[in-house]
Amino acid sequence: MNNIGQNFIAGSRSAQGNKLLQSFNATTGGALAYEFHQATEQEVNQACEAASQAFKSYRHTSPEQRALFLEA
């Protein structure tokens, strides 16, 4: 796995935040070898806007199309 610690927003990578966060194993609580950039307020807003735009077409899909999308 190639973890580069960036956010993925609307098909593009972003790492505007200066704060790095440590990842942890949810089962053991132990630290993992990965750090990632905390999203900035601007990045969160960009992600929300992208999701809103994507939903405009996604909401017209059938349950079967959604299932295929989620499985992919």
PDB file of N, CA and C in Angstrom:
ATOM      1  N   MET A   1       0.847  -1.180   0.000  1.00  0.00           N
ATOM      2  CA  MET A   1       0.000   0.000   0.000  1.00  0.00           C
ATOM      3  C   MET A   1       0.887   1.236   0.000  1.00  0.00           C
ATOM      4  N   ASN A   2       0.604   2.158  -0.869  1.00  0.00           N
ATOM      5  CA  ASN A   2       1.369   3.387  -0.967  1.00  0.00           C
ATOM      6  C   ASN A   2       0.590   4.505  -0.291  1.00  0.00           C
ATOM      7  N   ASN A   3       0.840   4.718   0.989  1.00  0.00           N
ATOM      8  CA  ASN A   3       0.129   5.736   1.751  1.00  0.00           C
ATOM      9  C   ASN A   3       0.960   7.011   1.748  1.00  0.00           C
ATOM     10  N   ILE A   4       0.420   8.074   1.167  1.00  0.00           N
ATOM     11  CA  ILE A   4       1.176   9.324   1.090  1.00  0.00           C
ATOM     12  C   ILE A   4       0.607  10.402   2.003  1.00  0.00           C
ATOM     13  N   GLY A   5      -0.391  10.070   2.783  1.00  0.00           N
ATOM     14  CA  GLY A   5      -0.888  10.977   3.807  1.00  0.00           C
ATOM     15  C   GLY A   5      -1.633  12.196   3.325  1.00  0.00           C
ATOM     16  N   GLN A   6      -2.241  12.102   2.156  1.00  0.00           N
ATOM     17  CA  GLN A   6      -2.981  13.233   1.619  1.00  0.00           C
ATOM     18  C   GLN A   6      -4.478  12.927   1.587  1.00  0.00           C
ATOM     19  N   ASN A   7      -5.258  13.989   1.523  1.00  0.00           N
ATOM     20  CA  ASN A   7      -6.698  13.852   1.349  1.00  0.00           C
ATOM     21  C   ASN A   7      -6.995  13.674  -0.136  1.00  0.00           C
ATOM     22  N   PHE A   8      -8.090  13.023  -0.435  1.00  0.00           N
ATOM     23  CA  PHE A   8      -8.511  12.810  -1.811  1.00  0.00           C
ATOM     24  C   PHE A   8      -9.848  13.500  -1.991  1.00  0.00           C
ATOM     25  N   ILE A   9      -9.852  14.609  -2.739  1.00  0.00           N
ATOM     26  CA  ILE A   9     -11.048  15.436  -2.878  1.00  0.00           C
ATOM     27  C   ILE A   9     -11.375  15.588  -4.360  1.00  0.00           C
ATOM     28  N   ALA A  10     -12.534  15.105  -4.759  1.00  0.00           N
ATOM     29  CA  ALA A  10     -13.020  15.247  -6.133  1.00  0.00           C
ATOM     30  C   ALA A  10     -11.986  14.775  -7.159  1.00  0.00           C
ATOM     31  N   GLY A  11     -11.355  13.655  -6.866  1.00  0.00           N
ATOM     32  CA  GLY A  11     -10.410  13.065  -7.801  1.00  0.00           C
ATOM     33  C   GLY A  11      -9.005  13.628  -7.751  1.00  0.00           C
ATOM     34  N   SER A  12      -8.736  14.528  -6.829  1.00  0.00           N
ATOM     35  CA  SER A  12      -7.403  15.128  -6.711  1.00  0.00           C
ATOM     36  C   SER A  12      -6.883  14.986  -5.292  1.00  0.00           C
ATOM     37  N   ARG A  13      -5.573  14.907  -5.186  1.00  0.00           N
ATOM     38  CA  ARG A  13      -4.935  14.840  -3.869  1.00  0.00           C
ATOM     39  C   ARG A  13      -4.725  16.242  -3.328  1.00  0.00           C
ATOM     40  N   SER A  14      -4.835  16.371  -2.001  1.00  0.00           N
ATOM     41  CA  SER A  14      -4.673  17.657  -1.353  1.00  0.00           C
ATOM     42  C   SER A  14      -4.043  17.443   0.017  1.00  0.00           C
ATOM     43  N   ALA A  15      -3.129  18.313   0.375  1.00  0.00           N
ATOM     44  CA  ALA A  15      -2.474  18.242   1.685  1.00  0.00           C
ATOM     45  C   ALA A  15      -2.134  19.655   2.144  1.00  0.00           C
ATOM     46  N   GLN A  16      -3.155  20.484   2.292  1.00  0.00           N
ATOM     47  CA  GLN A  16      -2.935  21.881   2.658  1.00  0.00           C
ATOM     48  C   GLN A  16      -2.673  22.061   4.146  1.00  0.00           C
ATOM     49  N   GLY A  17      -3.176  21.125   4.943  1.00  0.00           N
ATOM     50  CA  GLY A  17      -3.028  21.255   6.391  1.00  0.00           C
ATOM     51  C   GLY A  17      -1.600  21.051   6.848  1.00  0.00           C
ATOM     52  N   ASN A  18      -1.195  21.816   7.849  1.00  0.00           N
ATOM     53  CA  ASN A  18       0.150  21.702   8.399  1.00  0.00           C
ATOM     54  C   ASN A  18       0.253  20.648   9.488  1.00  0.00           C
ATOM     55  N   LYS A  19      -0.867  20.301  10.105  1.00  0.00           N
ATOM     56  CA  LYS A  19      -0.859  19.346  11.210  1.00  0.00           C
ATOM     57  C   LYS A  19      -0.896  17.923  10.671  1.00  0.00           C
ATOM     58  N   LEU A  20       0.046  17.089  11.140  1.00  0.00           N
ATOM     59  CA  LEU A  20       0.053  15.680  10.779  1.00  0.00           C
ATOM     60  C   LEU A  20      -0.591  14.877  11.895  1.00  0.00           C
ATOM     61  N   LEU A  21      -1.429  13.931  11.521  1.00  0.00           N
ATOM     62  CA  LEU A  21      -2.107  13.065  12.475  1.00  0.00           C
ATOM     63  C   LEU A  21      -1.579  11.643  12.336  1.00  0.00           C
ATOM     64  N   GLN A  22      -1.414  10.983  13.456  1.00  0.00           N
ATOM     65  CA  GLN A  22      -0.933   9.601  13.487  1.00  0.00           C
ATOM     66  C   GLN A  22      -2.110   8.653  13.303  1.00  0.00           C
ATOM     67  N   SER A  23      -1.911   7.613  12.529  1.00  0.00           N
ATOM     68  CA  SER A  23      -2.961   6.601  12.391  1.00  0.00           C
ATOM     69  C   SER A  23      -2.758   5.519  13.445  1.00  0.00           C
ATOM     70  N   PHE A  24      -3.865   4.904  13.851  1.00  0.00           N
ATOM     71  CA  PHE A  24      -3.838   3.888  14.889  1.00  0.00           C
ATOM     72  C   PHE A  24      -4.629   2.666  14.457  1.00  0.00           C
ATOM     73  N   ASN A  25      -4.245   1.520  14.961  1.00  0.00           N
ATOM     74  CA  ASN A  25      -4.979   0.291  14.759  1.00  0.00           C
ATOM     75  C   ASN A  25      -6.199   0.346  15.669  1.00  0.00           C
ATOM     76  N   ALA A  26      -7.386   0.291  15.091  1.00  0.00           N
ATOM     77  CA  ALA A  26      -8.620   0.420  15.870  1.00  0.00           C
ATOM     78  C   ALA A  26      -8.828  -0.738  16.839  1.00  0.00           C
ATOM     79  N   THR A  27      -8.264  -1.888  16.536  1.00  0.00           N
ATOM     80  CA  THR A  27      -8.439  -3.057  17.398  1.00  0.00           C
ATOM     81  C   THR A  27      -7.502  -3.028  18.590  1.00  0.00           C
ATOM     82  N   THR A  28      -6.237  -2.729  18.342  1.00  0.00           N
ATOM     83  CA  THR A  28      -5.231  -2.788  19.408  1.00  0.00           C
ATOM     84  C   THR A  28      -4.934  -1.434  20.037  1.00  0.00           C
ATOM     85  N   GLY A  29      -5.240  -0.354  19.333  1.00  0.00           N
ATOM     86  CA  GLY A  29      -4.904   0.976  19.819  1.00  0.00           C
ATOM     87  C   GLY A  29      -3.459   1.361  19.561  1.00  0.00           C
ATOM     88  N   GLY A  30      -2.706   0.448  18.965  1.00  0.00           N
ATOM     89  CA  GLY A  30      -1.300   0.714  18.671  1.00  0.00           C
ATOM     90  C   GLY A  30      -1.135   1.633  17.475  1.00  0.00           C
ATOM     91  N   ALA A  31      -0.071   2.423  17.519  1.00  0.00           N
ATOM     92  CA  ALA A  31       0.216   3.342  16.412  1.00  0.00           C
ATOM     93  C   ALA A  31       0.638   2.568  15.175  1.00  0.00           C
ATOM     94  N   LEU A  32       0.181   3.038  14.020  1.00  0.00           N
ATOM     95  CA  LEU A  32       0.605   2.493  12.736  1.00  0.00           C
ATOM     96  C   LEU A  32       1.696   3.387  12.159  1.00  0.00           C
ATOM     97  N   ALA A  33       2.321   2.939  11.104  1.00  0.00           N
ATOM     98  CA  ALA A  33       3.449   3.668  10.523  1.00  0.00           C
ATOM     99  C   ALA A  33       3.025   4.826   9.634  1.00  0.00           C
ATOM    100  N   TYR A  34       1.752   5.165   9.606  1.00  0.00           N
ATOM    101  CA  TYR A  34       1.251   6.166   8.670  1.00  0.00           C
ATOM    102  C   TYR A  34       0.832   7.449   9.372  1.00  0.00           C
ATOM    103  N   GLU A  35       1.174   8.558   8.778  1.00  0.00           N
ATOM    104  CA  GLU A  35       0.680   9.862   9.197  1.00  0.00           C
ATOM    105  C   GLU A  35      -0.064  10.475   8.022  1.00  0.00           C
ATOM    106  N   PHE A  36      -0.997  11.356   8.324  1.00  0.00           N
ATOM    107  CA  PHE A  36      -1.721  12.015   7.246  1.00  0.00           C
ATOM    108  C   PHE A  36      -2.010  13.449   7.641  1.00  0.00           C
ATOM    109  N   HIS A  37      -2.181  14.290   6.635  1.00  0.00           N
ATOM    110  CA  HIS A  37      -2.446  15.707   6.855  1.00  0.00           C
ATOM    111  C   HIS A  37      -3.886  15.915   7.296  1.00  0.00           C
ATOM    112  N   GLN A  38      -4.061  16.649   8.381  1.00  0.00           N
ATOM    113  CA  GLN A  38      -5.408  17.017   8.799  1.00  0.00           C
ATOM    114  C   GLN A  38      -5.972  17.988   7.775  1.00  0.00           C
ATOM    115  N   ALA A  39      -7.194  17.747   7.350  1.00  0.00           N
ATOM    116  CA  ALA A  39      -7.829  18.610   6.357  1.00  0.00           C
ATOM    117  C   ALA A  39      -8.068  19.998   6.934  1.00  0.00           C
ATOM    118  N   THR A  40      -7.875  20.981   6.095  1.00  0.00           N
ATOM    119  CA  THR A  40      -8.186  22.360   6.486  1.00  0.00           C
ATOM    120  C   THR A  40      -9.681  22.599   6.315  1.00  0.00           C
ATOM    121  N   GLU A  41     -10.151  23.707   6.831  1.00  0.00           N
ATOM    122  CA  GLU A  41     -11.560  24.066   6.644  1.00  0.00           C
ATOM    123  C   GLU A  41     -11.872  24.201   5.155  1.00  0.00           C
ATOM    124  N   GLN A  42     -10.946  24.770   4.398  1.00  0.00           N
ATOM    125  CA  GLN A  42     -11.145  24.913   2.957  1.00  0.00           C
ATOM    126  C   GLN A  42     -11.258  23.547   2.277  1.00  0.00           C
ATOM    127  N   GLU A  43     -10.436  22.599   2.672  1.00  0.00           N
ATOM    128  CA  GLU A  43     -10.502  21.261   2.075  1.00  0.00           C
ATOM    129  C   GLU A  43     -11.824  20.575   2.418  1.00  0.00           C
ATOM    130  N   VAL A  44     -12.271  20.734   3.652  1.00  0.00           N
ATOM    131  CA  VAL A  44     -13.557  20.148   4.053  1.00  0.00           C
ATOM    132  C   VAL A  44     -14.678  20.759   3.220  1.00  0.00           C
ATOM    133  N   ASN A  45     -14.643  22.068   3.041  1.00  0.00           N
ATOM    134  CA  ASN A  45     -15.665  22.735   2.228  1.00  0.00           C
ATOM    135  C   ASN A  45     -15.611  22.264   0.775  1.00  0.00           C
ATOM    136  N   GLN A  46     -14.406  22.082   0.228  1.00  0.00           N
ATOM    137  CA  GLN A  46     -14.265  21.576  -1.142  1.00  0.00           C
ATOM    138  C   GLN A  46     -14.854  20.170  -1.250  1.00  0.00           C
ATOM    139  N   ALA A  47     -14.581  19.329  -0.264  1.00  0.00           N
ATOM    140  CA  ALA A  47     -15.104  17.958  -0.283  1.00  0.00           C
ATOM    141  C   ALA A  47     -16.633  17.956  -0.196  1.00  0.00           C
ATOM    142  N   CYS A  48     -17.186  18.820   0.641  1.00  0.00           N
ATOM    143  CA  CYS A  48     -18.648  18.904   0.764  1.00  0.00           C
ATOM    144  C   CYS A  48     -19.282  19.390  -0.534  1.00  0.00           C
ATOM    145  N   GLU A  49     -18.676  20.375  -1.160  1.00  0.00           N
ATOM    146  CA  GLU A  49     -19.198  20.893  -2.425  1.00  0.00           C
ATOM    147  C   GLU A  49     -19.127  19.818  -3.512  1.00  0.00           C
ATOM    148  N   ALA A  50     -18.018  19.087  -3.560  1.00  0.00           N
ATOM    149  CA  ALA A  50     -17.872  18.015  -4.555  1.00  0.00           C
ATOM    150  C   ALA A  50     -18.915  16.922  -4.329  1.00  0.00           C
ATOM    151  N   ALA A  51     -19.155  16.582  -3.067  1.00  0.00           N
ATOM    152  CA  ALA A  51     -20.164  15.569  -2.759  1.00  0.00           C
ATOM    153  C   ALA A  51     -21.554  16.042  -3.164  1.00  0.00           C
ATOM    154  N   SER A  52     -21.847  17.302  -2.914  1.00  0.00           N
ATOM    155  CA  SER A  52     -23.138  17.865  -3.295  1.00  0.00           C
ATOM    156  C   SER A  52     -23.331  17.809  -4.811  1.00  0.00           C
ATOM    157  N   GLN A  53     -22.298  18.153  -5.551  1.00  0.00           N
ATOM    158  CA  GLN A  53     -22.377  18.111  -7.011  1.00  0.00           C
ATOM    159  C   GLN A  53     -22.545  16.676  -7.512  1.00  0.00           C
ATOM    160  N   ALA A  54     -21.798  15.738  -6.919  1.00  0.00           N
ATOM    161  CA  ALA A  54     -21.877  14.342  -7.347  1.00  0.00           C
ATOM    162  C   ALA A  54     -23.262  13.759  -7.073  1.00  0.00           C
ATOM    163  N   PHE A  55     -23.874  14.181  -5.979  1.00  0.00           N
ATOM    164  CA  PHE A  55     -25.178  13.633  -5.619  1.00  0.00           C
ATOM    165  C   PHE A  55     -26.263  14.024  -6.608  1.00  0.00           C
ATOM    166  N   LYS A  56     -26.069  15.128  -7.317  1.00  0.00           N
ATOM    167  CA  LYS A  56     -27.084  15.573  -8.278  1.00  0.00           C
ATOM    168  C   LYS A  56     -27.356  14.514  -9.341  1.00  0.00           C
ATOM    169  N   SER A  57     -26.332  13.787  -9.758  1.00  0.00           N
ATOM    170  CA  SER A  57     -26.563  12.711 -10.727  1.00  0.00           C
ATOM    171  C   SER A  57     -26.749  11.366 -10.028  1.00  0.00           C
ATOM    172  N   TYR A  58     -26.040  11.152  -8.925  1.00  0.00           N
ATOM    173  CA  TYR A  58     -26.117   9.863  -8.210  1.00  0.00           C
ATOM    174  C   TYR A  58     -27.524   9.584  -7.697  1.00  0.00           C
ATOM    175  N   ARG A  59     -28.232  10.614  -7.291  1.00  0.00           N
ATOM    176  CA  ARG A  59     -29.572  10.394  -6.721  1.00  0.00           C
ATOM    177  C   ARG A  59     -30.563   9.829  -7.735  1.00  0.00           C
ATOM    178  N   HIS A  60     -30.227   9.909  -9.018  1.00  0.00           N
ATOM    179  CA  HIS A  60     -31.116   9.388 -10.056  1.00  0.00           C
ATOM    180  C   HIS A  60     -30.778   7.941 -10.447  1.00  0.00           C
ATOM    181  N   THR A  61     -29.811   7.346  -9.766  1.00  0.00           N
ATOM    182  CA  THR A  61     -29.453   5.956 -10.080  1.00  0.00           C
ATOM    183  C   THR A  61     -30.408   4.999  -9.371  1.00  0.00           C
ATOM    184  N   SER A  62     -30.494   3.814  -9.913  1.00  0.00           N
ATOM    185  CA  SER A  62     -31.366   2.787  -9.326  1.00  0.00           C
ATOM    186  C   SER A  62     -30.640   2.128  -8.145  1.00  0.00           C
ATOM    187  N   PRO A  63     -31.392   1.446  -7.300  1.00  0.00           N
ATOM    188  CA  PRO A  63     -30.748   0.700  -6.205  1.00  0.00           C
ATOM    189  C   PRO A  63     -29.724  -0.310  -6.723  1.00  0.00           C
ATOM    190  N   GLU A  64     -30.007  -0.931  -7.848  1.00  0.00           N
ATOM    191  CA  GLU A  64     -29.070  -1.897  -8.420  1.00  0.00           C
ATOM    192  C   GLU A  64     -27.777  -1.211  -8.862  1.00  0.00           C
ATOM    193  N   GLN A  65     -27.896  -0.035  -9.483  1.00  0.00           N
ATOM    194  CA  GLN A  65     -26.700   0.717  -9.896  1.00  0.00           C
ATOM    195  C   GLN A  65     -25.903   1.173  -8.674  1.00  0.00           C
ATOM    196  N   ARG A  66     -26.577   1.551  -7.645  1.00  0.00           N
ATOM    197  CA  ARG A  66     -25.880   1.962  -6.409  1.00  0.00           C
ATOM    198  C   ARG A  66     -25.139   0.790  -5.786  1.00  0.00           C
ATOM    199  N   ALA A  67     -25.770  -0.358  -5.779  1.00  0.00           N
ATOM    200  CA  ALA A  67     -25.114  -1.553  -5.229  1.00  0.00           C
ATOM    201  C   ALA A  67     -23.848  -1.875  -6.004  1.00  0.00           C
ATOM    202  N   LEU A  68     -23.931  -1.828  -7.340  1.00  0.00           N
ATOM    203  CA  LEU A  68     -22.745  -2.086  -8.160  1.00  0.00           C
ATOM    204  C   LEU A  68     -21.648  -1.052  -7.881  1.00  0.00           C
ATOM    205  N   PHE A  69     -22.036   0.199  -7.730  1.00  0.00           N
ATOM    206  CA  PHE A  69     -21.087   1.258  -7.434  1.00  0.00           C
ATOM    207  C   PHE A  69     -20.391   1.000  -6.098  1.00  0.00           C
ATOM    208  N   LEU A  70     -21.169   0.676  -5.085  1.00  0.00           N
ATOM    209  CA  LEU A  70     -20.598   0.454  -3.754  1.00  0.00           C
ATOM    210  C   LEU A  70     -19.722  -0.795  -3.721  1.00  0.00           C
ATOM    211  N   GLU A  71     -20.088  -1.818  -4.459  1.00  0.00           N
ATOM    212  CA  GLU A  71     -19.274  -3.021  -4.510  1.00  0.00           C
ATOM    213  C   GLU A  71     -17.963  -2.784  -5.240  1.00  0.00           C
ATOM    214  N   ALA A  72     -17.993  -1.892  -6.216  1.00  0.00           N
ATOM    215  CA  ALA A  72     -16.760  -1.593  -6.981  1.00  0.00           C
ATOM    216  C   ALA A  72     -15.786  -0.848  -6.110  1.00  0.00           C
TER     217      ALA A  72
END
